[in-house]
PDB file of N, CA and C in Angstrom:
ATOM      1  N   MET A   1       6.572 124.729 112.550  1.00  0.00           N
ATOM      2  CA  MET A   1       7.016 124.340 111.396  1.00  0.00           C
ATOM      3  C   MET A   1       8.345 123.649 111.659  1.00  0.00           C
ATOM      4  N   ALA A   2       8.354 122.336 110.998  1.00  0.00           N
ATOM      5  CA  ALA A   2       9.471 121.503 111.477  1.00  0.00           C
ATOM      6  C   ALA A   2      10.704 121.921 110.813  1.00  0.00           C
ATOM      7  N   VAL A   3      11.912 121.730 111.109  1.00  0.00           N
ATOM      8  CA  VAL A   3      13.268 122.186 110.605  1.00  0.00           C
ATOM      9  C   VAL A   3      14.078 120.837 110.295  1.00  0.00           C
ATOM     10  N   ALA A   4      14.532 120.581 109.153  1.00  0.00           N
ATOM     11  CA  ALA A   4      15.210 119.504 108.880  1.00  0.00           C
ATOM     12  C   ALA A   4      16.654 119.449 109.514  1.00  0.00           C
ATOM     13  N   VAL A   5      16.724 118.386 110.236  1.00  0.00           N
ATOM     14  CA  VAL A   5      18.299 118.713 110.853  1.00  0.00           C
ATOM     15  C   VAL A   5      19.264 118.135 110.039  1.00  0.00           C
ATOM     16  N   LYS A   6      20.365 118.841 109.603  1.00  0.00           N
ATOM     17  CA  LYS A   6      21.562 118.629 108.885  1.00  0.00           C
ATOM     18  C   LYS A   6      22.625 117.788 109.427  1.00  0.00           C
ATOM     19  N   SER A   7      22.723 116.555 109.250  1.00  0.00           N
ATOM     20  CA  SER A   7      23.544 115.865 109.890  1.00  0.00           C
ATOM     21  C   SER A   7      24.768 115.316 109.035  1.00  0.00           C
ATOM     22  N   GLN A   8      24.685 115.450 107.620  1.00  0.00           N
ATOM     23  CA  GLN A   8      25.777 114.923 106.890  1.00  0.00           C
ATOM     24  C   GLN A   8      26.660 116.169 106.377  1.00  0.00           C
ATOM     25  N   ARG A   9      27.840 115.682 106.313  1.00  0.00           N
ATOM     26  CA  ARG A   9      28.883 116.856 106.073  1.00  0.00           C
ATOM     27  C   ARG A   9      29.359 116.090 104.543  1.00  0.00           C
ATOM     28  N   ILE A  10      29.644 117.068 103.693  1.00  0.00           N
ATOM     29  CA  ILE A  10      30.338 117.191 102.483  1.00  0.00           C
ATOM     30  C   ILE A  10      31.320 118.094 102.191  1.00  0.00           C
ATOM     31  N   ASP A  11      32.801 117.569 102.018  1.00  0.00           N
ATOM     32  CA  ASP A  11      33.872 118.246 102.040  1.00  0.00           C
ATOM     33  C   ASP A  11      34.381 118.093 100.316  1.00  0.00           C
ATOM     34  N   PHE A  12      34.798 119.161  99.893  1.00  0.00           N
ATOM     35  CA  PHE A  12      35.477 119.282  98.646  1.00  0.00           C
ATOM     36  C   PHE A  12      36.415 120.449  98.614  1.00  0.00           C
ATOM     37  N   ARG A  13      37.528 120.404  97.919  1.00  0.00           N
ATOM     38  CA  ARG A  13      38.413 121.297  97.580  1.00  0.00           C
ATOM     39  C   ARG A  13      38.342 122.282  96.249  1.00  0.00           C
ATOM     40  N   ALA A  14      38.628 123.333  96.313  1.00  0.00           N
ATOM     41  CA  ALA A  14      38.621 124.287  95.090  1.00  0.00           C
ATOM     42  C   ALA A  14      39.839 125.287  95.285  1.00  0.00           C
ATOM     43  N   ASN A  15      40.257 125.686  93.978  1.00  0.00           N
ATOM     44  CA  ASN A  15      41.298 126.824  94.192  1.00  0.00           C
ATOM     45  C   ASN A  15      40.677 128.135  94.583  1.00  0.00           C
ATOM     46  N   ALA A  16      41.767 128.935  94.706  1.00  0.00           N
ATOM     47  CA  ALA A  16      41.227 130.364  94.970  1.00  0.00           C
ATOM     48  C   ALA A  16      40.174 131.031  94.117  1.00  0.00           C
ATOM     49  N   LYS A  17      40.644 130.736  92.798  1.00  0.00           N
ATOM     50  CA  LYS A  17      39.859 131.338  91.814  1.00  0.00           C
ATOM     51  C   LYS A  17      38.286 130.865  91.823  1.00  0.00           C
ATOM     52  N   GLN A  18      38.181 129.828  91.871  1.00  0.00           N
ATOM     53  CA  GLN A  18      36.947 128.865  91.682  1.00  0.00           C
ATOM     54  C   GLN A  18      36.196 129.267  92.998  1.00  0.00           C
ATOM     55  N   LYS A  19      36.778 129.420  94.204  1.00  0.00           N
ATOM     56  CA  LYS A  19      36.164 129.875  95.442  1.00  0.00           C
ATOM     57  C   LYS A  19      35.501 131.307  95.408  1.00  0.00           C
ATOM     58  N   SER A  20      36.362 132.096  94.889  1.00  0.00           N
ATOM     59  CA  SER A  20      36.136 133.504  94.694  1.00  0.00           C
ATOM     60  C   SER A  20      34.787 133.685  93.799  1.00  0.00           C
ATOM     61  N   ILE A  21      34.710 133.030  92.821  1.00  0.00           N
ATOM     62  CA  ILE A  21      33.755 132.740  91.710  1.00  0.00           C
ATOM     63  C   ILE A  21      32.335 132.393  92.653  1.00  0.00           C
ATOM     64  N   LEU A  22      32.291 131.390  93.204  1.00  0.00           N
ATOM     65  CA  LEU A  22      31.198 130.665  94.089  1.00  0.00           C
ATOM     66  C   LEU A  22      30.838 131.828  95.113  1.00  0.00           C
ATOM     67  N   GLU A  23      31.625 132.357  95.935  1.00  0.00           N
ATOM     68  CA  GLU A  23      31.254 133.439  96.698  1.00  0.00           C
ATOM     69  C   GLU A  23      30.526 134.629  96.115  1.00  0.00           C
ATOM     70  N   LYS A  24      31.095 135.164  94.962  1.00  0.00           N
ATOM     71  CA  LYS A  24      30.518 136.181  94.326  1.00  0.00           C
ATOM     72  C   LYS A  24      29.336 135.796  93.916  1.00  0.00           C
ATOM     73  N   ALA A  25      29.017 134.641  93.418  1.00  0.00           N
ATOM     74  CA  ALA A  25      27.594 134.181  93.055  1.00  0.00           C
ATOM     75  C   ALA A  25      26.811 133.909  94.324  1.00  0.00           C
ATOM     76  N   ALA A  26      27.242 133.480  95.229  1.00  0.00           N
ATOM     77  CA  ALA A  26      26.519 133.442  96.392  1.00  0.00           C
ATOM     78  C   ALA A  26      25.983 134.693  96.780  1.00  0.00           C
ATOM     79  N   GLY A  27      26.902 135.547  96.912  1.00  0.00           N
ATOM     80  CA  GLY A  27      26.504 137.012  97.414  1.00  0.00           C
ATOM     81  C   GLY A  27      25.378 137.830  96.514  1.00  0.00           C
ATOM     82  N   LEU A  28      25.561 137.457  95.164  1.00  0.00           N
ATOM     83  CA  LEU A  28      24.451 137.784  94.283  1.00  0.00           C
ATOM     84  C   LEU A  28      23.025 137.170  94.803  1.00  0.00           C
ATOM     85  N   LYS A  29      22.877 136.079  95.249  1.00  0.00           N
ATOM     86  CA  LYS A  29      21.879 135.355  95.928  1.00  0.00           C
ATOM     87  C   LYS A  29      21.380 135.669  97.126  1.00  0.00           C
ATOM     88  N   ASN A  30      22.278 136.257  97.801  1.00  0.00           N
ATOM     89  CA  ASN A  30      22.424 136.681  99.194  1.00  0.00           C
ATOM     90  C   ASN A  30      22.240 135.335 100.160  1.00  0.00           C
ATOM     91  N   LEU A  31      23.273 134.408  99.738  1.00  0.00           N
ATOM     92  CA  LEU A  31      23.229 132.946 100.315  1.00  0.00           C
ATOM     93  C   LEU A  31      24.705 132.893 101.011  1.00  0.00           C
ATOM     94  N   THR A  32      24.645 132.175 101.974  1.00  0.00           N
ATOM     95  CA  THR A  32      26.014 131.622 102.239  1.00  0.00           C
ATOM     96  C   THR A  32      26.475 130.896 101.286  1.00  0.00           C
ATOM     97  N   LEU A  33      27.923 130.787 101.327  1.00  0.00           N
ATOM     98  CA  LEU A  33      28.611 129.919 100.145  1.00  0.00           C
ATOM     99  C   LEU A  33      28.086 128.443 100.405  1.00  0.00           C
ATOM    100  N   SER A  34      28.096 127.955 101.396  1.00  0.00           N
ATOM    101  CA  SER A  34      27.508 126.489 101.616  1.00  0.00           C
ATOM    102  C   SER A  34      26.030 126.481 101.161  1.00  0.00           C
ATOM    103  N   SER A  35      25.267 127.335 101.505  1.00  0.00           N
ATOM    104  CA  SER A  35      23.708 127.046 101.051  1.00  0.00           C
ATOM    105  C   SER A  35      23.615 127.330  99.406  1.00  0.00           C
ATOM    106  N   TYR A  36      24.475 128.098  98.857  1.00  0.00           N
ATOM    107  CA  TYR A  36      24.493 128.310  97.350  1.00  0.00           C
ATOM    108  C   TYR A  36      25.091 127.297  96.817  1.00  0.00           C
ATOM    109  N   ILE A  37      26.124 126.636  97.126  1.00  0.00           N
ATOM    110  CA  ILE A  37      26.588 125.361  96.550  1.00  0.00           C
ATOM    111  C   ILE A  37      25.595 124.363  96.678  1.00  0.00           C
ATOM    112  N   LEU A  38      25.136 124.208  98.079  1.00  0.00           N
ATOM    113  CA  LEU A  38      24.260 123.107  98.083  1.00  0.00           C
ATOM    114  C   LEU A  38      22.994 123.273  97.259  1.00  0.00           C
ATOM    115  N   THR A  39      22.397 124.296  97.186  1.00  0.00           N
ATOM    116  CA  THR A  39      21.071 124.544  96.390  1.00  0.00           C
ATOM    117  C   THR A  39      21.340 124.419  94.882  1.00  0.00           C
ATOM    118  N   SER A  40      22.475 124.908  94.564  1.00  0.00           N
ATOM    119  CA  SER A  40      22.844 124.693  93.126  1.00  0.00           C
ATOM    120  C   SER A  40      23.291 123.272  92.577  1.00  0.00           C
ATOM    121  N   SER A  41      23.815 122.626  93.457  1.00  0.00           N
ATOM    122  CA  SER A  41      24.245 121.223  93.172  1.00  0.00           C
ATOM    123  C   SER A  41      23.108 120.279  93.217  1.00  0.00           C
ATOM    124  N   LEU A  42      22.113 120.630  94.145  1.00  0.00           N
ATOM    125  CA  LEU A  42      20.793 119.830  94.241  1.00  0.00           C
ATOM    126  C   LEU A  42      20.186 119.958  92.875  1.00  0.00           C
ATOM    127  N   ARG A  43      19.893 121.367  92.551  1.00  0.00           N
ATOM    128  CA  ARG A  43      18.982 121.710  91.346  1.00  0.00           C
ATOM    129  C   ARG A  43      19.800 120.790  90.178  1.00  0.00           C
ATOM    130  N   GLN A  44      21.017 120.960  89.763  1.00  0.00           N
ATOM    131  CA  GLN A  44      21.744 120.172  88.834  1.00  0.00           C
ATOM    132  C   GLN A  44      21.332 118.436  89.077  1.00  0.00           C
ATOM    133  N   ALA A  45      21.578 118.375  90.147  1.00  0.00           N
ATOM    134  CA  ALA A  45      21.313 116.736  90.510  1.00  0.00           C
ATOM    135  C   ALA A  45      19.988 116.273  90.002  1.00  0.00           C
ATOM    136  N   GLN A  46      19.056 117.213  90.331  1.00  0.00           N
ATOM    137  CA  GLN A  46      17.544 116.965  89.892  1.00  0.00           C
ATOM    138  C   GLN A  46      17.482 116.643  88.277  1.00  0.00           C
ATOM    139  N   ILE A  47      18.174 117.680  87.744  1.00  0.00           N
ATOM    140  CA  ILE A  47      18.162 117.677  86.087  1.00  0.00           C
ATOM    141  C   ILE A  47      18.831 116.556  85.893  1.00  0.00           C
ATOM    142  N   ASP A  48      20.056 116.244  86.223  1.00  0.00           N
ATOM    143  CA  ASP A  48      20.770 115.042  85.941  1.00  0.00           C
ATOM    144  C   ASP A  48      20.002 113.720  85.802  1.00  0.00           C
ATOM    145  N   LEU A  49      19.377 113.476  87.119  1.00  0.00           N
ATOM    146  CA  LEU A  49      18.407 112.422  87.114  1.00  0.00           C
ATOM    147  C   LEU A  49      17.352 112.247  86.493  1.00  0.00           C
ATOM    148  N   ALA A  50      16.633 113.424  86.291  1.00  0.00           N
ATOM    149  CA  ALA A  50      15.445 113.299  85.319  1.00  0.00           C
ATOM    150  C   ALA A  50      16.027 112.870  83.872  1.00  0.00           C
ATOM    151  N   GLU A  51      17.015 113.633  83.520  1.00  0.00           N
ATOM    152  CA  GLU A  51      17.708 113.067  81.882  1.00  0.00           C
ATOM    153  C   GLU A  51      17.884 111.766  81.875  1.00  0.00           C
ATOM    154  N   ASN A  52      18.474 111.139  82.979  1.00  0.00           N
ATOM    155  CA  ASN A  52      18.921 109.876  83.083  1.00  0.00           C
ATOM    156  C   ASN A  52      17.871 108.816  83.121  1.00  0.00           C
ATOM    157  N   GLY A  53      16.789 109.263  83.961  1.00  0.00           N
ATOM    158  CA  GLY A  53      15.519 108.518  83.880  1.00  0.00           C
ATOM    159  C   GLY A  53      14.613 108.416  82.710  1.00  0.00           C
ATOM    160  N   THR A  54      14.974 108.954  81.795  1.00  0.00           N
ATOM    161  CA  THR A  54      14.040 109.386  80.683  1.00  0.00           C
ATOM    162  C   THR A  54      14.675 108.619  79.441  1.00  0.00           C
ATOM    163  N   LEU A  55      14.144 107.589  78.588  1.00  0.00           N
ATOM    164  CA  LEU A  55      14.691 107.007  77.466  1.00  0.00           C
ATOM    165  C   LEU A  55      13.959 107.476  76.346  1.00  0.00           C
ATOM    166  N   LEU A  56      14.443 108.026  75.271  1.00  0.00           N
ATOM    167  CA  LEU A  56      14.152 108.538  74.225  1.00  0.00           C
ATOM    168  C   LEU A  56      14.277 107.451  72.993  1.00  0.00           C
ATOM    169  N   LEU A  57      13.346 106.999  72.250  1.00  0.00           N
ATOM    170  CA  LEU A  57      13.356 106.175  71.400  1.00  0.00           C
ATOM    171  C   LEU A  57      13.037 106.767  69.919  1.00  0.00           C
ATOM    172  N   SER A  58      13.561 106.236  68.897  1.00  0.00           N
ATOM    173  CA  SER A  58      13.045 106.457  67.528  1.00  0.00           C
ATOM    174  C   SER A  58      11.715 105.707  67.383  1.00  0.00           C
ATOM    175  N   ASP A  59      10.867 106.307  66.391  1.00  0.00           N
ATOM    176  CA  ASP A  59       9.759 105.793  66.202  1.00  0.00           C
ATOM    177  C   ASP A  59       9.964 104.093  65.684  1.00  0.00           C
ATOM    178  N   LYS A  60      10.966 103.813  65.084  1.00  0.00           N
ATOM    179  CA  LYS A  60      11.318 102.400  64.696  1.00  0.00           C
ATOM    180  C   LYS A  60      11.549 101.524  65.934  1.00  0.00           C
ATOM    181  N   SER A  61      12.318 102.113  67.020  1.00  0.00           N
ATOM    182  CA  SER A  61      13.123 101.245  68.222  1.00  0.00           C
ATOM    183  C   SER A  61      11.675 101.400  69.073  1.00  0.00           C
ATOM    184  N   ARG A  62      10.782 102.250  69.156  1.00  0.00           N
ATOM    185  CA  ARG A  62       9.540 102.233  69.867  1.00  0.00           C
ATOM    186  C   ARG A  62       8.802 101.107  69.622  1.00  0.00           C
ATOM    187  N   ASN A  63       8.488 101.193  68.050  1.00  0.00           N
ATOM    188  CA  ASN A  63       7.705  99.957  67.584  1.00  0.00           C
ATOM    189  C   ASN A  63       8.092  98.781  67.819  1.00  0.00           C
ATOM    190  N   LEU A  64       9.615  98.439  67.836  1.00  0.00           N
ATOM    191  CA  LEU A  64      10.021  97.057  68.006  1.00  0.00           C
ATOM    192  C   LEU A  64       9.932  96.735  69.464  1.00  0.00           C
ATOM    193  N   VAL A  65      10.126  97.602  70.437  1.00  0.00           N
ATOM    194  CA  VAL A  65      10.225  97.462  71.804  1.00  0.00           C
ATOM    195  C   VAL A  65       8.401  96.924  72.146  1.00  0.00           C
ATOM    196  N   MET A  66       7.708  97.898  71.630  1.00  0.00           N
ATOM    197  CA  MET A  66       6.232  97.649  71.832  1.00  0.00           C
ATOM    198  C   MET A  66       5.662  96.210  71.156  1.00  0.00           C
ATOM    199  N   SER A  67       6.312  95.856  70.083  1.00  0.00           N
ATOM    200  CA  SER A  67       5.948  94.711  69.483  1.00  0.00           C
ATOM    201  C   SER A  67       6.494  93.539  70.342  1.00  0.00           C
ATOM    202  N   ALA A  68       7.601  93.687  70.830  1.00  0.00           N
ATOM    203  CA  ALA A  68       8.109  92.443  71.600  1.00  0.00           C
ATOM    204  C   ALA A  68       7.399  92.287  72.960  1.00  0.00           C
ATOM    205  N   LEU A  69       7.053  93.568  73.360  1.00  0.00           N
ATOM    206  CA  LEU A  69       6.038  93.343  74.697  1.00  0.00           C
ATOM    207  C   LEU A  69       4.605  93.009  74.318  1.00  0.00           C
ATOM    208  N   GLU A  70       4.104  93.271  73.117  1.00  0.00           N
ATOM    209  CA  GLU A  70       2.917  92.603  72.838  1.00  0.00           C
ATOM    210  C   GLU A  70       2.838  91.367  72.439  1.00  0.00           C
ATOM    211  N   ASN A  71       3.895  90.764  71.815  1.00  0.00           N
ATOM    212  CA  ASN A  71       3.947  89.680  71.209  1.00  0.00           C
ATOM    213  C   ASN A  71       5.352  88.862  71.696  1.00  0.00           C
ATOM    214  N   PRO A  72       5.472  88.349  72.922  1.00  0.00           N
ATOM    215  CA  PRO A  72       6.630  87.856  73.368  1.00  0.00           C
ATOM    216  C   PRO A  72       7.062  86.589  72.716  1.00  0.00           C
ATOM    217  N   PRO A  73       8.328  86.223  72.401  1.00  0.00           N
ATOM    218  CA  PRO A  73       8.522  85.080  72.176  1.00  0.00           C
ATOM    219  C   PRO A  73       8.081  83.820  73.046  1.00  0.00           C
ATOM    220  N   LYS A  74       7.976  82.608  72.468  1.00  0.00           N
ATOM    221  CA  LYS A  74       7.726  81.419  73.345  1.00  0.00           C
ATOM    222  C   LYS A  74       9.004  81.157  74.057  1.00  0.00           C
ATOM    223  N   PRO A  75       9.182  80.828  75.360  1.00  0.00           N
ATOM    224  CA  PRO A  75      10.213  80.339  76.132  1.00  0.00           C
ATOM    225  C   PRO A  75      10.841  79.382  75.525  1.00  0.00           C
ATOM    226  N   ASN A  76      12.099  79.519  75.524  1.00  0.00           N
ATOM    227  CA  ASN A  76      13.201  78.280  75.071  1.00  0.00           C
ATOM    228  C   ASN A  76      13.346  77.377  76.098  1.00  0.00           C
ATOM    229  N   ALA A  77      14.158  76.141  75.837  1.00  0.00           N
ATOM    230  CA  ALA A  77      14.512  75.266  76.800  1.00  0.00           C
ATOM    231  C   ALA A  77      15.399  75.956  77.877  1.00  0.00           C
ATOM    232  N   ALA A  78      16.187  76.818  77.476  1.00  0.00           N
ATOM    233  CA  ALA A  78      17.154  77.630  78.376  1.00  0.00           C
ATOM    234  C   ALA A  78      16.331  78.534  79.470  1.00  0.00           C
ATOM    235  N   LEU A  79      15.409  79.256  78.892  1.00  0.00           N
ATOM    236  CA  LEU A  79      14.704  79.943  79.827  1.00  0.00           C
ATOM    237  C   LEU A  79      13.841  79.059  80.696  1.00  0.00           C
ATOM    238  N   LYS A  80      13.378  78.045  80.275  1.00  0.00           N
ATOM    239  CA  LYS A  80      12.337  77.201  81.211  1.00  0.00           C
ATOM    240  C   LYS A  80      13.498  76.452  82.130  1.00  0.00           C
ATOM    241  N   SER A  81      14.527  76.233  81.907  1.00  0.00           N
ATOM    242  CA  SER A  81      15.682  75.449  82.787  1.00  0.00           C
ATOM    243  C   SER A  81      15.959  76.604  84.074  1.00  0.00           C
ATOM    244  N   LEU A  82      16.140  77.782  83.538  1.00  0.00           N
ATOM    245  CA  LEU A  82      16.430  78.887  84.383  1.00  0.00           C
ATOM    246  C   LEU A  82      15.270  79.262  85.498  1.00  0.00           C
ATOM    247  N   PHE A  83      14.152  79.084  85.248  1.00  0.00           N
ATOM    248  CA  PHE A  83      13.056  79.272  86.136  1.00  0.00           C
ATOM    249  C   PHE A  83      12.844  77.929  86.822  1.00  0.00           C
ATOM    250  N   ARG A  84      13.618  76.788  86.853  1.00  0.00           N
ATOM    251  CA  ARG A  84      12.949  75.608  87.494  1.00  0.00           C
ATOM    252  C   ARG A  84      13.864  75.823  88.769  1.00  0.00           C
TER     253      ARG A  84
END
């Protein structure tokens, strides 16, 4: 089984209370502090990226977008000039 080499370092500062909370939570999961922070951060990052990659439209907005895609306007002079 291949093991991924961890070659990048991430540093941040926390106050004593924040560190204590993180250490207690890591202990509950039987993880090192670094492993706990990394797995928790990655999980949240994946959620944030998924939310940012999804665009929700109302029915009216969706219909406007689909109409524009299905029936694009004729290129005007400025657009034609841009592509020359």
